[in-house]
Amino acid sequence: MVLTKRVVAVVGGLLVAGATVARAAVFHLHLEKSEPADKAEIAAAPSELRLWFSEPAEISATRVSLSSGKDTIALGKPTRGKAKDAPLVFSVTRPLHAGLYKVGWRTMGDDGHAVTGTFAFTIKAGAPGR
């Protein structure tokens, strides 16, 4: 089968466009790690949540929620140390007890693109509350 110049041009254009989109997605801010970590089973309730992103997240654009079942736990306003790789820190404003907790987050980096994500952790039964 002979490929025409037009088919070759269309396929080539699609390959370039796909590579550009994939490359752009790699450069968006993303969550690199958290404390507690995703799927962690911890022995003591945390007094704060720490989120490390691939680049400095805009504090004013960052929202984090913590919930257990239908219960939403209030968090303090985010803080960050001065180091470039410092995490965003959210204090937990009331005692946490044994159970599954879900964390939802939304933020953006310098490029202005909003990114969202979730992770969860479990506080083991018998763990001291905070």
N, C-alpha and C. Protein backbone atom coordinates (compact mmCIF):
# COMPACT_ATOMS: atom_id res chain seq x y z
N MET A 1 0.84 -1.18 0.00
CA MET A 1 0.00 0.00 0.00
C MET A 1 0.88 1.23 0.00
N VAL A 2 0.59 2.13 -0.86
CA VAL A 2 1.38 3.35 -1.00
C VAL A 2 0.74 4.44 -0.15
N LEU A 3 1.55 5.06 0.71
CA LEU A 3 1.05 6.16 1.53
C LEU A 3 1.21 7.46 0.77
N THR A 4 0.19 8.22 0.78
CA THR A 4 0.28 9.52 0.11
C THR A 4 0.96 10.51 1.03
N LYS A 5 1.42 11.58 0.47
CA LYS A 5 2.06 12.64 1.25
C LYS A 5 1.09 13.21 2.27
N ARG A 6 -0.18 13.25 1.90
CA ARG A 6 -1.19 13.80 2.80
C ARG A 6 -1.35 12.93 4.05
N VAL A 7 -1.43 11.61 3.88
CA VAL A 7 -1.55 10.69 5.01
C VAL A 7 -0.32 10.79 5.90
N VAL A 8 0.85 10.82 5.30
CA VAL A 8 2.10 10.94 6.05
C VAL A 8 2.10 12.25 6.84
N ALA A 9 1.65 13.34 6.25
CA ALA A 9 1.61 14.63 6.93
C ALA A 9 0.64 14.61 8.11
N VAL A 10 -0.54 14.01 7.92
CA VAL A 10 -1.54 13.94 9.00
C VAL A 10 -1.00 13.09 10.15
N VAL A 11 -0.47 11.92 9.84
CA VAL A 11 0.06 11.04 10.89
C VAL A 11 1.22 11.73 11.61
N GLY A 12 2.10 12.36 10.86
CA GLY A 12 3.21 13.08 11.47
C GLY A 12 2.73 14.20 12.38
N GLY A 13 1.72 14.93 11.94
CA GLY A 13 1.15 16.01 12.76
C GLY A 13 0.54 15.48 14.04
N LEU A 14 -0.18 14.37 13.94
CA LEU A 14 -0.77 13.76 15.14
C LEU A 14 0.30 13.29 16.11
N LEU A 15 1.37 12.73 15.61
CA LEU A 15 2.46 12.29 16.48
C LEU A 15 3.10 13.47 17.21
N VAL A 16 3.33 14.55 16.50
CA VAL A 16 3.91 15.75 17.11
C VAL A 16 2.96 16.33 18.14
N ALA A 17 1.67 16.40 17.82
CA ALA A 17 0.69 16.95 18.77
C ALA A 17 0.61 16.08 20.01
N GLY A 18 0.60 14.76 19.84
CA GLY A 18 0.55 13.85 20.99
C GLY A 18 1.77 13.98 21.86
N ALA A 19 2.93 14.11 21.26
CA ALA A 19 4.16 14.27 22.04
C ALA A 19 4.15 15.59 22.79
N THR A 20 3.61 16.63 22.19
CA THR A 20 3.54 17.94 22.84
C THR A 20 2.61 17.89 24.05
N VAL A 21 1.45 17.27 23.91
CA VAL A 21 0.51 17.14 25.02
C VAL A 21 1.13 16.31 26.14
N ALA A 22 1.75 15.19 25.80
CA ALA A 22 2.37 14.34 26.81
C ALA A 22 3.48 15.08 27.54
N ARG A 23 4.29 15.82 26.81
CA ARG A 23 5.38 16.58 27.41
C ARG A 23 4.83 17.67 28.32
N ALA A 24 3.75 18.34 27.93
CA ALA A 24 3.16 19.39 28.76
C ALA A 24 2.60 18.80 30.05
N ALA A 25 2.00 17.62 29.99
CA ALA A 25 1.43 17.00 31.18
C ALA A 25 2.51 16.67 32.19
N VAL A 26 3.68 16.27 31.72
CA VAL A 26 4.78 15.94 32.61
C VAL A 26 5.21 17.18 33.40
N PHE A 27 5.10 18.35 32.84
CA PHE A 27 5.59 19.56 33.46
C PHE A 27 4.59 20.21 34.42
N HIS A 28 3.35 19.74 34.48
CA HIS A 28 2.41 20.30 35.44
C HIS A 28 2.82 19.88 36.85
N LEU A 29 2.54 20.74 37.79
CA LEU A 29 2.77 20.45 39.19
C LEU A 29 2.05 19.15 39.56
N HIS A 30 2.66 18.35 40.41
CA HIS A 30 2.01 17.13 40.90
C HIS A 30 2.49 16.84 42.32
N LEU A 31 1.69 16.08 43.05
CA LEU A 31 2.04 15.70 44.41
C LEU A 31 3.12 14.63 44.35
N GLU A 32 4.26 14.89 44.99
CA GLU A 32 5.34 13.92 45.00
C GLU A 32 5.26 12.98 46.20
N LYS A 33 4.90 13.53 47.37
CA LYS A 33 4.73 12.68 48.54
C LYS A 33 3.92 13.43 49.58
N SER A 34 3.49 12.69 50.58
CA SER A 34 2.71 13.29 51.66
C SER A 34 3.04 12.57 52.97
N GLU A 35 2.76 13.26 54.06
CA GLU A 35 2.80 12.67 55.40
C GLU A 35 1.49 13.01 56.06
N PRO A 36 0.71 12.01 56.43
CA PRO A 36 0.90 10.58 56.19
C PRO A 36 0.89 10.26 54.69
N ALA A 37 1.57 9.18 54.36
CA ALA A 37 1.67 8.76 52.96
C ALA A 37 0.37 8.11 52.51
N ASP A 38 0.16 8.09 51.20
CA ASP A 38 -1.01 7.42 50.63
C ASP A 38 -1.00 5.95 51.02
N LYS A 39 -2.12 5.46 51.50
CA LYS A 39 -2.34 4.06 51.89
C LYS A 39 -1.57 3.67 53.16
N ALA A 40 -1.02 4.64 53.87
CA ALA A 40 -0.28 4.35 55.10
C ALA A 40 -1.23 3.89 56.20
N GLU A 41 -0.75 3.00 57.03
CA GLU A 41 -1.45 2.60 58.25
C GLU A 41 -0.56 3.08 59.39
N ILE A 42 -1.03 4.09 60.11
CA ILE A 42 -0.19 4.72 61.11
C ILE A 42 -0.67 4.38 62.52
N ALA A 43 0.28 4.39 63.46
CA ALA A 43 -0.01 3.98 64.83
C ALA A 43 -0.47 5.14 65.71
N ALA A 44 -0.23 6.37 65.28
CA ALA A 44 -0.63 7.54 66.07
C ALA A 44 -1.25 8.57 65.15
N ALA A 45 -2.23 9.28 65.67
CA ALA A 45 -2.91 10.32 64.88
C ALA A 45 -1.95 11.46 64.57
N PRO A 46 -1.93 11.94 63.33
CA PRO A 46 -1.05 13.06 63.00
C PRO A 46 -1.60 14.39 63.52
N SER A 47 -0.71 15.30 63.84
CA SER A 47 -1.13 16.64 64.25
C SER A 47 -1.16 17.59 63.06
N GLU A 48 -0.60 17.12 61.92
CA GLU A 48 -0.59 17.94 60.71
C GLU A 48 -0.47 17.05 59.49
N LEU A 49 -0.85 17.62 58.35
CA LEU A 49 -0.66 16.98 57.06
C LEU A 49 0.43 17.75 56.33
N ARG A 50 1.32 17.03 55.67
CA ARG A 50 2.40 17.65 54.89
C ARG A 50 2.32 17.16 53.45
N LEU A 51 2.34 18.10 52.52
CA LEU A 51 2.26 17.77 51.10
C LEU A 51 3.44 18.39 50.37
N TRP A 52 4.21 17.53 49.68
CA TRP A 52 5.34 17.98 48.88
C TRP A 52 4.93 17.92 47.41
N PHE A 53 5.09 19.02 46.71
CA PHE A 53 4.76 19.08 45.30
C PHE A 53 6.03 19.17 44.46
N SER A 54 5.90 18.90 43.19
CA SER A 54 7.04 18.89 42.27
C SER A 54 7.61 20.28 42.02
N GLU A 55 6.85 21.30 42.37
CA GLU A 55 7.28 22.69 42.27
C GLU A 55 6.48 23.47 43.31
N PRO A 56 6.90 24.65 43.68
CA PRO A 56 6.15 25.40 44.70
C PRO A 56 4.70 25.64 44.27
N ALA A 57 3.78 25.21 45.12
CA ALA A 57 2.36 25.42 44.86
C ALA A 57 1.96 26.80 45.36
N GLU A 58 1.00 27.40 44.68
CA GLU A 58 0.47 28.71 45.10
C GLU A 58 -0.38 28.51 46.36
N ILE A 59 0.10 29.02 47.48
CA ILE A 59 -0.62 28.83 48.75
C ILE A 59 -2.04 29.39 48.66
N SER A 60 -2.20 30.56 48.07
CA SER A 60 -3.53 31.18 48.01
C SER A 60 -4.51 30.38 47.16
N ALA A 61 -4.01 29.53 46.28
CA ALA A 61 -4.87 28.74 45.40
C ALA A 61 -5.03 27.30 45.90
N THR A 62 -4.44 26.98 47.05
CA THR A 62 -4.44 25.61 47.54
C THR A 62 -5.57 25.37 48.52
N ARG A 63 -6.28 24.28 48.29
CA ARG A 63 -7.36 23.84 49.17
C ARG A 63 -7.12 22.38 49.51
N VAL A 64 -7.23 22.05 50.77
CA VAL A 64 -7.07 20.66 51.21
C VAL A 64 -8.23 20.32 52.14
N SER A 65 -8.81 19.15 51.95
CA SER A 65 -9.89 18.69 52.83
C SER A 65 -9.50 17.35 53.44
N LEU A 66 -9.96 17.14 54.67
CA LEU A 66 -9.72 15.89 55.38
C LEU A 66 -11.07 15.38 55.85
N SER A 67 -11.37 14.12 55.55
CA SER A 67 -12.67 13.57 55.95
C SER A 67 -12.53 12.12 56.36
N SER A 68 -13.48 11.71 57.18
CA SER A 68 -13.60 10.32 57.60
C SER A 68 -15.08 9.98 57.55
N GLY A 69 -15.46 9.14 56.61
CA GLY A 69 -16.89 8.88 56.39
C GLY A 69 -17.56 10.16 55.95
N LYS A 70 -18.62 10.56 56.66
CA LYS A 70 -19.32 11.81 56.34
C LYS A 70 -18.80 12.99 57.15
N ASP A 71 -17.85 12.74 58.03
CA ASP A 71 -17.30 13.76 58.92
C ASP A 71 -16.15 14.50 58.24
N THR A 72 -16.23 15.83 58.20
CA THR A 72 -15.16 16.65 57.66
C THR A 72 -14.40 17.29 58.81
N ILE A 73 -13.08 17.19 58.77
CA ILE A 73 -12.24 17.72 59.83
C ILE A 73 -11.60 19.02 59.33
N ALA A 74 -11.77 20.08 60.09
CA ALA A 74 -11.20 21.37 59.70
C ALA A 74 -9.68 21.32 59.81
N LEU A 75 -9.03 22.01 58.90
CA LEU A 75 -7.57 22.11 58.90
C LEU A 75 -7.18 23.58 59.03
N GLY A 76 -6.01 23.81 59.59
CA GLY A 76 -5.50 25.17 59.68
C GLY A 76 -5.08 25.69 58.32
N LYS A 77 -4.81 26.99 58.26
CA LYS A 77 -4.34 27.58 57.00
C LYS A 77 -2.97 27.02 56.65
N PRO A 78 -2.70 26.88 55.35
CA PRO A 78 -1.42 26.29 54.95
C PRO A 78 -0.24 27.20 55.28
N THR A 79 0.85 26.55 55.64
CA THR A 79 2.13 27.25 55.84
C THR A 79 3.19 26.51 55.04
N ARG A 80 4.30 27.19 54.81
CA ARG A 80 5.42 26.57 54.09
C ARG A 80 6.71 27.19 54.59
N GLY A 81 7.72 26.38 54.77
CA GLY A 81 9.04 26.88 55.13
C GLY A 81 9.65 27.66 53.98
N LYS A 82 10.82 28.19 54.20
CA LYS A 82 11.48 29.03 53.19
C LYS A 82 12.22 28.24 52.12
N ALA A 83 12.55 26.98 52.41
CA ALA A 83 13.28 26.18 51.43
C ALA A 83 12.41 25.93 50.20
N LYS A 84 13.05 25.89 49.04
CA LYS A 84 12.32 25.70 47.78
C LYS A 84 11.52 24.40 47.77
N ASP A 85 12.05 23.37 48.41
CA ASP A 85 11.37 22.07 48.41
C ASP A 85 10.57 21.82 49.69
N ALA A 86 10.28 22.87 50.45
CA ALA A 86 9.52 22.72 51.69
C ALA A 86 8.08 22.31 51.38
N PRO A 87 7.51 21.46 52.22
CA PRO A 87 6.11 21.04 52.00
C PRO A 87 5.13 22.11 52.44
N LEU A 88 3.91 22.00 51.94
CA LEU A 88 2.81 22.77 52.50
C LEU A 88 2.35 21.99 53.73
N VAL A 89 2.11 22.71 54.82
CA VAL A 89 1.75 22.07 56.08
C VAL A 89 0.38 22.59 56.52
N PHE A 90 -0.49 21.66 56.89
CA PHE A 90 -1.84 21.97 57.35
C PHE A 90 -2.01 21.35 58.73
N SER A 91 -2.26 22.17 59.74
CA SER A 91 -2.47 21.61 61.08
C SER A 91 -3.86 20.99 61.16
N VAL A 92 -3.94 19.89 61.91
CA VAL A 92 -5.22 19.22 62.16
C VAL A 92 -5.79 19.86 63.42
N THR A 93 -6.99 20.39 63.34
CA THR A 93 -7.53 21.25 64.41
C THR A 93 -8.26 20.51 65.52
N ARG A 94 -8.43 19.20 65.39
CA ARG A 94 -9.09 18.45 66.47
C ARG A 94 -8.56 17.02 66.48
N PRO A 95 -8.80 16.32 67.58
CA PRO A 95 -8.29 14.95 67.68
C PRO A 95 -8.85 14.03 66.59
N LEU A 96 -7.99 13.17 66.10
CA LEU A 96 -8.39 12.14 65.14
C LEU A 96 -8.36 10.81 65.86
N HIS A 97 -9.25 9.92 65.46
CA HIS A 97 -9.34 8.61 66.09
C HIS A 97 -9.13 7.53 65.03
N ALA A 98 -9.10 6.30 65.46
CA ALA A 98 -8.88 5.19 64.55
C ALA A 98 -9.90 5.22 63.40
N GLY A 99 -9.42 4.89 62.21
CA GLY A 99 -10.29 4.82 61.05
C GLY A 99 -9.59 5.26 59.77
N LEU A 100 -10.35 5.22 58.70
CA LEU A 100 -9.87 5.61 57.37
C LEU A 100 -10.12 7.10 57.16
N TYR A 101 -9.11 7.80 56.69
CA TYR A 101 -9.21 9.24 56.40
C TYR A 101 -8.85 9.47 54.94
N LYS A 102 -9.62 10.35 54.31
CA LYS A 102 -9.37 10.72 52.91
C LYS A 102 -8.96 12.18 52.85
N VAL A 103 -7.96 12.45 52.04
CA VAL A 103 -7.47 13.81 51.84
C VAL A 103 -7.69 14.17 50.37
N GLY A 104 -8.34 15.28 50.13
CA GLY A 104 -8.53 15.81 48.78
C GLY A 104 -7.76 17.12 48.68
N TRP A 105 -7.12 17.36 47.57
CA TRP A 105 -6.37 18.60 47.41
C TRP A 105 -6.56 19.18 46.01
N ARG A 106 -6.41 20.49 45.96
CA ARG A 106 -6.47 21.23 44.70
C ARG A 106 -5.50 22.39 44.83
N THR A 107 -4.66 22.57 43.84
CA THR A 107 -3.69 23.67 43.86
C THR A 107 -3.29 24.01 42.43
N MET A 108 -2.36 24.93 42.31
CA MET A 108 -1.80 25.25 40.99
C MET A 108 -0.37 25.73 41.16
N GLY A 109 0.38 25.61 40.11
CA GLY A 109 1.76 26.08 40.08
C GLY A 109 1.86 27.37 39.30
N ASP A 110 3.09 27.73 38.96
CA ASP A 110 3.35 28.97 38.22
C ASP A 110 2.67 29.02 36.86
N ASP A 111 2.39 27.85 36.27
CA ASP A 111 1.79 27.84 34.93
C ASP A 111 0.30 28.17 34.94
N GLY A 112 -0.30 28.26 36.15
CA GLY A 112 -1.71 28.63 36.25
C GLY A 112 -2.68 27.49 36.04
N HIS A 113 -2.19 26.28 35.80
CA HIS A 113 -3.08 25.13 35.60
C HIS A 113 -3.44 24.52 36.95
N ALA A 114 -4.73 24.39 37.22
CA ALA A 114 -5.20 23.77 38.46
C ALA A 114 -5.01 22.26 38.36
N VAL A 115 -4.57 21.67 39.44
CA VAL A 115 -4.41 20.22 39.52
C VAL A 115 -5.07 19.74 40.81
N THR A 116 -5.61 18.54 40.77
CA THR A 116 -6.30 17.99 41.93
C THR A 116 -5.84 16.56 42.17
N GLY A 117 -6.11 16.09 43.36
CA GLY A 117 -5.77 14.72 43.67
C GLY A 117 -6.34 14.32 45.02
N THR A 118 -6.21 13.05 45.32
CA THR A 118 -6.66 12.50 46.60
C THR A 118 -5.66 11.47 47.08
N PHE A 119 -5.66 11.24 48.36
CA PHE A 119 -4.95 10.11 48.94
C PHE A 119 -5.65 9.76 50.25
N ALA A 120 -5.32 8.61 50.80
CA ALA A 120 -5.98 8.16 52.02
C ALA A 120 -4.97 7.51 52.94
N PHE A 121 -5.28 7.52 54.21
CA PHE A 121 -4.46 6.83 55.21
C PHE A 121 -5.39 6.29 56.29
N THR A 122 -4.88 5.34 57.04
CA THR A 122 -5.66 4.73 58.12
C THR A 122 -4.93 4.89 59.44
N ILE A 123 -5.66 5.31 60.46
CA ILE A 123 -5.12 5.31 61.82
C ILE A 123 -5.57 3.98 62.44
N LYS A 124 -4.59 3.20 62.88
CA LYS A 124 -4.87 1.87 63.41
C LYS A 124 -5.70 1.95 64.70
N ALA A 125 -6.50 0.92 64.90
CA ALA A 125 -7.29 0.82 66.13
C ALA A 125 -6.36 0.82 67.34
N GLY A 126 -6.76 1.50 68.38
CA GLY A 126 -5.95 1.58 69.59
C GLY A 126 -4.89 2.67 69.55
N ALA A 127 -4.81 3.40 68.42
CA ALA A 127 -3.81 4.47 68.31
C ALA A 127 -4.23 5.63 69.20
N PRO A 128 -3.24 6.25 69.83
CA PRO A 128 -3.60 7.43 70.65
C PRO A 128 -4.09 8.57 69.76
N GLY A 129 -5.16 9.24 70.16
CA GLY A 129 -5.67 10.39 69.42
C GLY A 129 -4.79 11.59 69.67
N ARG A 130 -4.99 12.59 68.89
CA ARG A 130 -4.25 13.82 69.09
C ARG A 130 -5.19 14.87 69.55
